[in-house]
């Protein structure tokens, strides 16, 4: 099993799963399924968010494979850009002609911190300034502690959101959808399992997969074999 944070996508032909795994493999499987007369609708989902995405499967197999060859690497390396944040400059970024050891002054090493404007009430600033290490250190400690304490709740919330995105797009017309959505956000897993028991197997399995707050997912299927089987 792999982490849900690893880039993963899933393609569906109606209620039947075509493939799950790297986008390149899923795109190829979707292309082949369409060529073989998929009933449809053929939809592709980003497993990290549950959102439906549009992919271009036009062209020869080689073209499609090349088009999506580096998708996983781009997601990992361009995450900050996708969220509107700028990547930190490297030690040899443009405009820096001196080696890193000559440019860096004496004192503590760089920590990769980023400056942002924060608006607080005067009493908040007073409290922060009185903490050991000063304001910046106190803020970092508060954030890290909050992340640690809320880690499980944040994972559960993200699991609920991605699951709801998926079922809204694919299972909205299935029996018990509204009650299943309520059970999902109520964190009532036994009731959710019971309500989706009559749903098509592939849809049900994917809901269970996305709803897991442990961040686990099934091993990627063999896209070409599943597409042929359809």
C-alpha atoms as a PDB file:
ATOM      1  CA  UNK A   1       0.000   0.000   0.000  1.00  0.00           C
ATOM      2  CA  UNK A   2       1.138   3.528  -0.702  1.00  0.00           C
ATOM      3  CA  UNK A   3       0.449   6.918   0.767  1.00  0.00           C
ATOM      4  CA  UNK A   4      -2.549   8.869  -0.487  1.00  0.00           C
ATOM      5  CA  UNK A   5      -0.168  11.811  -0.761  1.00  0.00           C
ATOM      6  CA  UNK A   6       1.528  10.034  -3.638  1.00  0.00           C
ATOM      7  CA  UNK A   7       0.152  11.292  -6.960  1.00  0.00           C
ATOM      8  CA  UNK A   8      -2.700   9.000  -7.986  1.00  0.00           C
ATOM      9  CA  UNK A   9      -5.683   9.234 -10.315  1.00  0.00           C
ATOM     10  CA  UNK A  10      -8.613   6.952 -11.085  1.00  0.00           C
ATOM     11  CA  UNK A  11     -10.585   6.568 -14.287  1.00  0.00           C
ATOM     12  CA  UNK A  12     -14.184   5.359 -14.505  1.00  0.00           C
ATOM     13  CA  UNK A  13     -16.324   4.171 -17.393  1.00  0.00           C
ATOM     14  CA  UNK A  14     -19.738   4.780 -15.933  1.00  0.00           C
ATOM     15  CA  UNK A  15     -19.643   2.964 -12.607  1.00  0.00           C
ATOM     16  CA  UNK A  16     -16.783   0.655 -13.652  1.00  0.00           C
ATOM     17  CA  UNK A  17     -13.218   1.496 -12.668  1.00  0.00           C
ATOM     18  CA  UNK A  18     -10.904   1.497 -15.680  1.00  0.00           C
ATOM     19  CA  UNK A  19      -7.613   2.064 -13.889  1.00  0.00           C
ATOM     20  CA  UNK A  20      -6.042   3.653 -10.853  1.00  0.00           C
ATOM     21  CA  UNK A  21      -2.483   4.897 -10.452  1.00  0.00           C
ATOM     22  CA  UNK A  22      -0.118   7.339 -12.217  1.00  0.00           C
ATOM     23  CA  UNK A  23      -1.893   9.725 -14.588  1.00  0.00           C
ATOM     24  CA  UNK A  24       0.068   8.513 -17.590  1.00  0.00           C
ATOM     25  CA  UNK A  25      -1.132   4.934 -17.064  1.00  0.00           C
ATOM     26  CA  UNK A  26      -4.699   6.032 -16.349  1.00  0.00           C
ATOM     27  CA  UNK A  27      -4.749   8.285 -19.427  1.00  0.00           C
ATOM     28  CA  UNK A  28      -3.598   5.399 -21.618  1.00  0.00           C
ATOM     29  CA  UNK A  29      -6.248   3.103 -20.138  1.00  0.00           C
ATOM     30  CA  UNK A  30      -8.946   5.737 -20.666  1.00  0.00           C
ATOM     31  CA  UNK A  31      -7.840   6.246 -24.264  1.00  0.00           C
ATOM     32  CA  UNK A  32      -8.003   2.511 -24.966  1.00  0.00           C
ATOM     33  CA  UNK A  33     -11.378   2.165 -23.240  1.00  0.00           C
ATOM     34  CA  UNK A  34     -12.846   4.955 -25.380  1.00  0.00           C
ATOM     35  CA  UNK A  35     -11.402   3.409 -28.533  1.00  0.00           C
ATOM     36  CA  UNK A  36     -13.018   0.097 -27.616  1.00  0.00           C
ATOM     37  CA  UNK A  37     -16.431   1.723 -27.263  1.00  0.00           C
ATOM     38  CA  UNK A  38     -16.714   2.650 -23.587  1.00  0.00           C
ATOM     39  CA  UNK A  39     -20.327   3.184 -22.601  1.00  0.00           C
ATOM     40  CA  UNK A  40     -19.435   6.228 -20.520  1.00  0.00           C
ATOM     41  CA  UNK A  41     -19.457   8.727 -19.219  1.00  0.00           C
ATOM     42  CA  UNK A  42     -15.694   8.297 -18.943  1.00  0.00           C
ATOM     43  CA  UNK A  43     -14.423  10.367 -16.028  1.00  0.00           C
ATOM     44  CA  UNK A  44     -11.007  10.807 -14.402  1.00  0.00           C
ATOM     45  CA  UNK A  45     -10.549  11.821 -10.760  1.00  0.00           C
ATOM     46  CA  UNK A  46      -7.616  13.208  -8.818  1.00  0.00           C
ATOM     47  CA  UNK A  47      -7.501  10.913  -5.788  1.00  0.00           C
ATOM     48  CA  UNK A  48      -5.876  13.528  -3.561  1.00  0.00           C
ATOM     49  CA  UNK A  49      -8.899  15.831  -3.855  1.00  0.00           C
ATOM     50  CA  UNK A  50     -11.650  13.653  -5.333  1.00  0.00           C
ATOM     51  CA  UNK A  51     -12.122  16.298  -8.020  1.00  0.00           C
ATOM     52  CA  UNK A  52     -12.944  15.350 -11.596  1.00  0.00           C
ATOM     53  CA  UNK A  53     -10.310  16.469 -14.087  1.00  0.00           C
ATOM     54  CA  UNK A  54     -10.246  16.765 -17.856  1.00  0.00           C
ATOM     55  CA  UNK A  55      -7.450  15.037 -19.760  1.00  0.00           C
ATOM     56  CA  UNK A  56      -6.539  15.129 -23.442  1.00  0.00           C
ATOM     57  CA  UNK A  57      -6.242  11.601 -24.839  1.00  0.00           C
ATOM     58  CA  UNK A  58      -6.155  12.607 -28.496  1.00  0.00           C
ATOM     59  CA  UNK A  59      -3.381  11.340 -30.719  1.00  0.00           C
ATOM     60  CA  UNK A  60      -1.340   8.169 -30.957  1.00  0.00           C
ATOM     61  CA  UNK A  61      -0.390   6.147 -27.889  1.00  0.00           C
ATOM     62  CA  UNK A  62       3.120   7.576 -27.970  1.00  0.00           C
ATOM     63  CA  UNK A  63       1.788  11.130 -27.979  1.00  0.00           C
ATOM     64  CA  UNK A  64      -0.509  10.498 -25.017  1.00  0.00           C
ATOM     65  CA  UNK A  65       2.238   8.709 -23.090  1.00  0.00           C
ATOM     66  CA  UNK A  66       4.620  11.620 -23.691  1.00  0.00           C
ATOM     67  CA  UNK A  67       1.963  14.174 -22.773  1.00  0.00           C
ATOM     68  CA  UNK A  68       1.557  12.702 -19.286  1.00  0.00           C
ATOM     69  CA  UNK A  69       5.052  11.296 -18.771  1.00  0.00           C
ATOM     70  CA  UNK A  70       6.157  13.718 -16.045  1.00  0.00           C
ATOM     71  CA  UNK A  71       2.831  14.399 -14.342  1.00  0.00           C
ATOM     72  CA  UNK A  72       3.813  12.812 -11.027  1.00  0.00           C
ATOM     73  CA  UNK A  73       7.099  14.668 -10.864  1.00  0.00           C
ATOM     74  CA  UNK A  74       5.419  17.975 -11.703  1.00  0.00           C
ATOM     75  CA  UNK A  75       2.822  17.517  -8.975  1.00  0.00           C
ATOM     76  CA  UNK A  76       5.533  16.895  -6.413  1.00  0.00           C
ATOM     77  CA  UNK A  77       7.841  19.651  -7.615  1.00  0.00           C
ATOM     78  CA  UNK A  78       5.342  22.319  -8.589  1.00  0.00           C
ATOM     79  CA  UNK A  79       2.957  22.077  -5.654  1.00  0.00           C
ATOM     80  CA  UNK A  80       3.875  25.523  -4.398  1.00  0.00           C
ATOM     81  CA  UNK A  81       3.310  27.097  -7.797  1.00  0.00           C
ATOM     82  CA  UNK A  82      -0.089  25.426  -8.092  1.00  0.00           C
ATOM     83  CA  UNK A  83      -1.134  27.013  -4.808  1.00  0.00           C
ATOM     84  CA  UNK A  84       0.053  30.476  -5.806  1.00  0.00           C
ATOM     85  CA  UNK A  85       3.242  30.410  -3.764  1.00  0.00           C
ATOM     86  CA  UNK A  86       6.704  31.097  -5.090  1.00  0.00           C
ATOM     87  CA  UNK A  87       9.500  28.608  -4.636  1.00  0.00           C
ATOM     88  CA  UNK A  88      12.366  29.739  -2.485  1.00  0.00           C
ATOM     89  CA  UNK A  89      15.474  30.794  -4.463  1.00  0.00           C
ATOM     90  CA  UNK A  90      18.366  28.366  -4.577  1.00  0.00           C
ATOM     91  CA  UNK A  91      21.838  29.168  -3.336  1.00  0.00           C
ATOM     92  CA  UNK A  92      22.919  29.946  -6.907  1.00  0.00           C
ATOM     93  CA  UNK A  93      19.804  31.790  -8.073  1.00  0.00           C
ATOM     94  CA  UNK A  94      19.938  34.439 -10.764  1.00  0.00           C
ATOM     95  CA  UNK A  95      21.663  37.607  -9.632  1.00  0.00           C
ATOM     96  CA  UNK A  96      23.962  35.852  -7.151  1.00  0.00           C
ATOM     97  CA  UNK A  97      27.444  35.581  -8.569  1.00  0.00           C
ATOM     98  CA  UNK A  98      29.252  34.643  -5.347  1.00  0.00           C
ATOM     99  CA  UNK A  99      29.385  31.115  -3.924  1.00  0.00           C
ATOM    100  CA  UNK A 100      27.004  30.391  -1.081  1.00  0.00           C
ATOM    101  CA  UNK A 101      29.721  30.292   1.587  1.00  0.00           C
ATOM    102  CA  UNK A 102      30.888  33.778   0.599  1.00  0.00           C
ATOM    103  CA  UNK A 103      27.432  35.352   0.397  1.00  0.00           C
ATOM    104  CA  UNK A 104      26.233  34.080   3.762  1.00  0.00           C
ATOM    105  CA  UNK A 105      27.148  36.256   6.698  1.00  0.00           C
ATOM    106  CA  UNK A 106      27.997  35.127  10.181  1.00  0.00           C
ATOM    107  CA  UNK A 107      25.301  33.949  12.516  1.00  0.00           C
ATOM    108  CA  UNK A 108      22.667  31.231  12.410  1.00  0.00           C
ATOM    109  CA  UNK A 109      22.299  29.256   9.153  1.00  0.00           C
ATOM    110  CA  UNK A 110      19.354  29.953   6.867  1.00  0.00           C
ATOM    111  CA  UNK A 111      16.234  28.026   7.869  1.00  0.00           C
ATOM    112  CA  UNK A 112      14.259  28.452   4.663  1.00  0.00           C
ATOM    113  CA  UNK A 113      11.801  30.777   6.354  1.00  0.00           C
ATOM    114  CA  UNK A 114       9.497  33.075   4.378  1.00  0.00           C
ATOM    115  CA  UNK A 115       8.366  36.538   5.444  1.00  0.00           C
ATOM    116  CA  UNK A 116       4.616  37.228   5.570  1.00  0.00           C
ATOM    117  CA  UNK A 117       2.478  39.987   7.046  1.00  0.00           C
ATOM    118  CA  UNK A 118       0.547  38.958  10.148  1.00  0.00           C
ATOM    119  CA  UNK A 119      -2.151  41.096  11.759  1.00  0.00           C
ATOM    120  CA  UNK A 120      -2.712  40.612  15.501  1.00  0.00           C
ATOM    121  CA  UNK A 121      -4.137  42.529  18.409  1.00  0.00           C
ATOM    122  CA  UNK A 122      -1.693  44.432  20.658  1.00  0.00           C
ATOM    123  CA  UNK A 123      -2.071  41.899  23.480  1.00  0.00           C
ATOM    124  CA  UNK A 124      -1.101  39.136  21.075  1.00  0.00           C
ATOM    125  CA  UNK A 125       2.088  40.951  20.057  1.00  0.00           C
ATOM    126  CA  UNK A 126       2.910  41.586  23.710  1.00  0.00           C
ATOM    127  CA  UNK A 127       2.527  37.910  24.557  1.00  0.00           C
ATOM    128  CA  UNK A 128       4.604  36.793  21.584  1.00  0.00           C
ATOM    129  CA  UNK A 129       7.373  39.267  22.339  1.00  0.00           C
ATOM    130  CA  UNK A 130       7.629  37.924  25.885  1.00  0.00           C
ATOM    131  CA  UNK A 131       8.206  34.328  24.740  1.00  0.00           C
ATOM    132  CA  UNK A 132      11.691  32.778  24.703  1.00  0.00           C
ATOM    133  CA  UNK A 133      13.324  33.289  21.318  1.00  0.00           C
ATOM    134  CA  UNK A 134      11.079  36.157  20.328  1.00  0.00           C
ATOM    135  CA  UNK A 135       8.014  36.511  18.134  1.00  0.00           C
ATOM    136  CA  UNK A 136       9.064  34.417  15.140  1.00  0.00           C
ATOM    137  CA  UNK A 137      10.164  31.436  17.212  1.00  0.00           C
ATOM    138  CA  UNK A 138       6.978  31.572  19.286  1.00  0.00           C
ATOM    139  CA  UNK A 139       4.794  31.668  16.181  1.00  0.00           C
ATOM    140  CA  UNK A 140       6.596  28.708  14.620  1.00  0.00           C
ATOM    141  CA  UNK A 141       6.178  26.697  17.813  1.00  0.00           C
ATOM    142  CA  UNK A 142       2.462  27.537  17.971  1.00  0.00           C
ATOM    143  CA  UNK A 143       1.948  26.452  14.363  1.00  0.00           C
ATOM    144  CA  UNK A 144       3.854  23.193  14.805  1.00  0.00           C
ATOM    145  CA  UNK A 145       1.938  22.368  17.975  1.00  0.00           C
ATOM    146  CA  UNK A 146      -1.384  23.096  16.270  1.00  0.00           C
ATOM    147  CA  UNK A 147      -0.383  20.895  13.332  1.00  0.00           C
ATOM    148  CA  UNK A 148       0.534  18.073  15.690  1.00  0.00           C
ATOM    149  CA  UNK A 149      -2.658  18.332  17.731  1.00  0.00           C
ATOM    150  CA  UNK A 150      -4.949  18.693  14.707  1.00  0.00           C
ATOM    151  CA  UNK A 151      -3.190  16.209  12.470  1.00  0.00           C
ATOM    152  CA  UNK A 152      -5.828  13.486  12.831  1.00  0.00           C
ATOM    153  CA  UNK A 153      -8.743  15.922  12.478  1.00  0.00           C
ATOM    154  CA  UNK A 154      -7.185  17.491   9.387  1.00  0.00           C
ATOM    155  CA  UNK A 155      -6.706  14.078   7.772  1.00  0.00           C
ATOM    156  CA  UNK A 156     -10.306  13.153   8.540  1.00  0.00           C
ATOM    157  CA  UNK A 157     -11.595  16.442   7.120  1.00  0.00           C
ATOM    158  CA  UNK A 158      -9.596  16.035   3.922  1.00  0.00           C
ATOM    159  CA  UNK A 159     -10.845  12.462   3.568  1.00  0.00           C
ATOM    160  CA  UNK A 160     -14.435  13.650   3.922  1.00  0.00           C
ATOM    161  CA  UNK A 161     -13.956  16.443   1.390  1.00  0.00           C
ATOM    162  CA  UNK A 162     -12.317  14.280  -1.277  1.00  0.00           C
ATOM    163  CA  UNK A 163     -14.909  11.536  -0.794  1.00  0.00           C
ATOM    164  CA  UNK A 164     -17.790  13.979  -1.117  1.00  0.00           C
ATOM    165  CA  UNK A 165     -16.284  15.495  -4.260  1.00  0.00           C
ATOM    166  CA  UNK A 166     -16.108  12.043  -5.807  1.00  0.00           C
ATOM    167  CA  UNK A 167     -19.590  10.831  -4.882  1.00  0.00           C
ATOM    168  CA  UNK A 168     -21.137  14.143  -5.910  1.00  0.00           C
ATOM    169  CA  UNK A 169     -19.735  13.708  -9.411  1.00  0.00           C
ATOM    170  CA  UNK A 170     -20.348   9.994  -9.873  1.00  0.00           C
ATOM    171  CA  UNK A 171     -22.865   8.734  -7.330  1.00  0.00           C
ATOM    172  CA  UNK A 172     -25.352  11.581  -7.083  1.00  0.00           C
ATOM    173  CA  UNK A 173     -28.110   9.488  -8.674  1.00  0.00           C
ATOM    174  CA  UNK A 174     -27.484   6.347  -6.654  1.00  0.00           C
ATOM    175  CA  UNK A 175     -29.884   5.243  -3.928  1.00  0.00           C
ATOM    176  CA  UNK A 176     -29.117   6.702  -0.532  1.00  0.00           C
ATOM    177  CA  UNK A 177     -26.703   9.345  -1.787  1.00  0.00           C
ATOM    178  CA  UNK A 178     -27.924  12.139   0.496  1.00  0.00           C
ATOM    179  CA  UNK A 179     -27.995   9.911   3.563  1.00  0.00           C
ATOM    180  CA  UNK A 180     -24.533   8.602   2.686  1.00  0.00           C
ATOM    181  CA  UNK A 181     -23.223  12.169   2.470  1.00  0.00           C
ATOM    182  CA  UNK A 182     -24.683  12.938   5.904  1.00  0.00           C
ATOM    183  CA  UNK A 183     -23.114   9.805   7.371  1.00  0.00           C
ATOM    184  CA  UNK A 184     -19.782  10.756   5.796  1.00  0.00           C
ATOM    185  CA  UNK A 185     -19.667  14.183   7.437  1.00  0.00           C
ATOM    186  CA  UNK A 186     -21.035  12.781  10.693  1.00  0.00           C
ATOM    187  CA  UNK A 187     -18.050  10.423  10.701  1.00  0.00           C
ATOM    188  CA  UNK A 188     -20.479   7.516  11.053  1.00  0.00           C
ATOM    189  CA  UNK A 189     -18.509   4.898   9.141  1.00  0.00           C
ATOM    190  CA  UNK A 190     -20.769   1.877   9.907  1.00  0.00           C
ATOM    191  CA  UNK A 191     -23.822   3.767   8.631  1.00  0.00           C
ATOM    192  CA  UNK A 192     -21.910   4.953   5.557  1.00  0.00           C
ATOM    193  CA  UNK A 193     -20.817   1.403   4.771  1.00  0.00           C
ATOM    194  CA  UNK A 194     -24.384   0.198   5.092  1.00  0.00           C
ATOM    195  CA  UNK A 195     -25.820   2.931   2.877  1.00  0.00           C
ATOM    196  CA  UNK A 196     -23.373   2.323   0.037  1.00  0.00           C
ATOM    197  CA  UNK A 197     -23.572  -1.479   0.248  1.00  0.00           C
ATOM    198  CA  UNK A 198     -25.927  -1.595  -2.745  1.00  0.00           C
ATOM    199  CA  UNK A 199     -23.810   0.725  -4.882  1.00  0.00           C
ATOM    200  CA  UNK A 200     -21.776  -0.690  -7.792  1.00  0.00           C
ATOM    201  CA  UNK A 201     -18.725  -2.480  -6.419  1.00  0.00           C
ATOM    202  CA  UNK A 202     -16.067  -0.279  -8.022  1.00  0.00           C
ATOM    203  CA  UNK A 203     -17.778   2.889  -6.808  1.00  0.00           C
ATOM    204  CA  UNK A 204     -18.212   1.449  -3.330  1.00  0.00           C
ATOM    205  CA  UNK A 205     -14.582   0.330  -3.157  1.00  0.00           C
ATOM    206  CA  UNK A 206     -13.339   3.744  -4.250  1.00  0.00           C
ATOM    207  CA  UNK A 207     -15.523   5.513  -1.685  1.00  0.00           C
ATOM    208  CA  UNK A 208     -14.061   3.324   1.060  1.00  0.00           C
ATOM    209  CA  UNK A 209     -10.580   4.046  -0.241  1.00  0.00           C
ATOM    210  CA  UNK A 210     -11.048   7.820  -0.327  1.00  0.00           C
ATOM    211  CA  UNK A 211     -12.861   7.930   3.013  1.00  0.00           C
ATOM    212  CA  UNK A 212      -9.902   6.427   4.836  1.00  0.00           C
ATOM    213  CA  UNK A 213      -8.230   9.090   6.972  1.00  0.00           C
ATOM    214  CA  UNK A 214      -5.158   6.878   7.353  1.00  0.00           C
ATOM    215  CA  UNK A 215      -3.967   7.945   3.944  1.00  0.00           C
ATOM    216  CA  UNK A 216      -3.740   4.459   2.445  1.00  0.00           C
ATOM    217  CA  UNK A 217      -4.762   3.367  -0.976  1.00  0.00           C
ATOM    218  CA  UNK A 218      -4.899   0.157  -2.943  1.00  0.00           C
ATOM    219  CA  UNK A 219      -2.053  -0.749  -5.221  1.00  0.00           C
ATOM    220  CA  UNK A 220      -2.458   0.663  -8.744  1.00  0.00           C
ATOM    221  CA  UNK A 221      -4.352  -1.649 -11.075  1.00  0.00           C
ATOM    222  CA  UNK A 222      -2.973  -2.809 -14.389  1.00  0.00           C
ATOM    223  CA  UNK A 223      -4.649  -0.232 -16.629  1.00  0.00           C
ATOM    224  CA  UNK A 224      -4.256  -1.882 -20.026  1.00  0.00           C
ATOM    225  CA  UNK A 225      -5.536  -5.244 -18.816  1.00  0.00           C
ATOM    226  CA  UNK A 226      -8.599  -3.693 -17.172  1.00  0.00           C
ATOM    227  CA  UNK A 227      -9.330  -1.599 -20.238  1.00  0.00           C
ATOM    228  CA  UNK A 228      -9.168  -4.670 -22.474  1.00  0.00           C
ATOM    229  CA  UNK A 229     -11.448  -6.540 -20.108  1.00  0.00           C
ATOM    230  CA  UNK A 230     -14.093  -3.853 -20.486  1.00  0.00           C
END
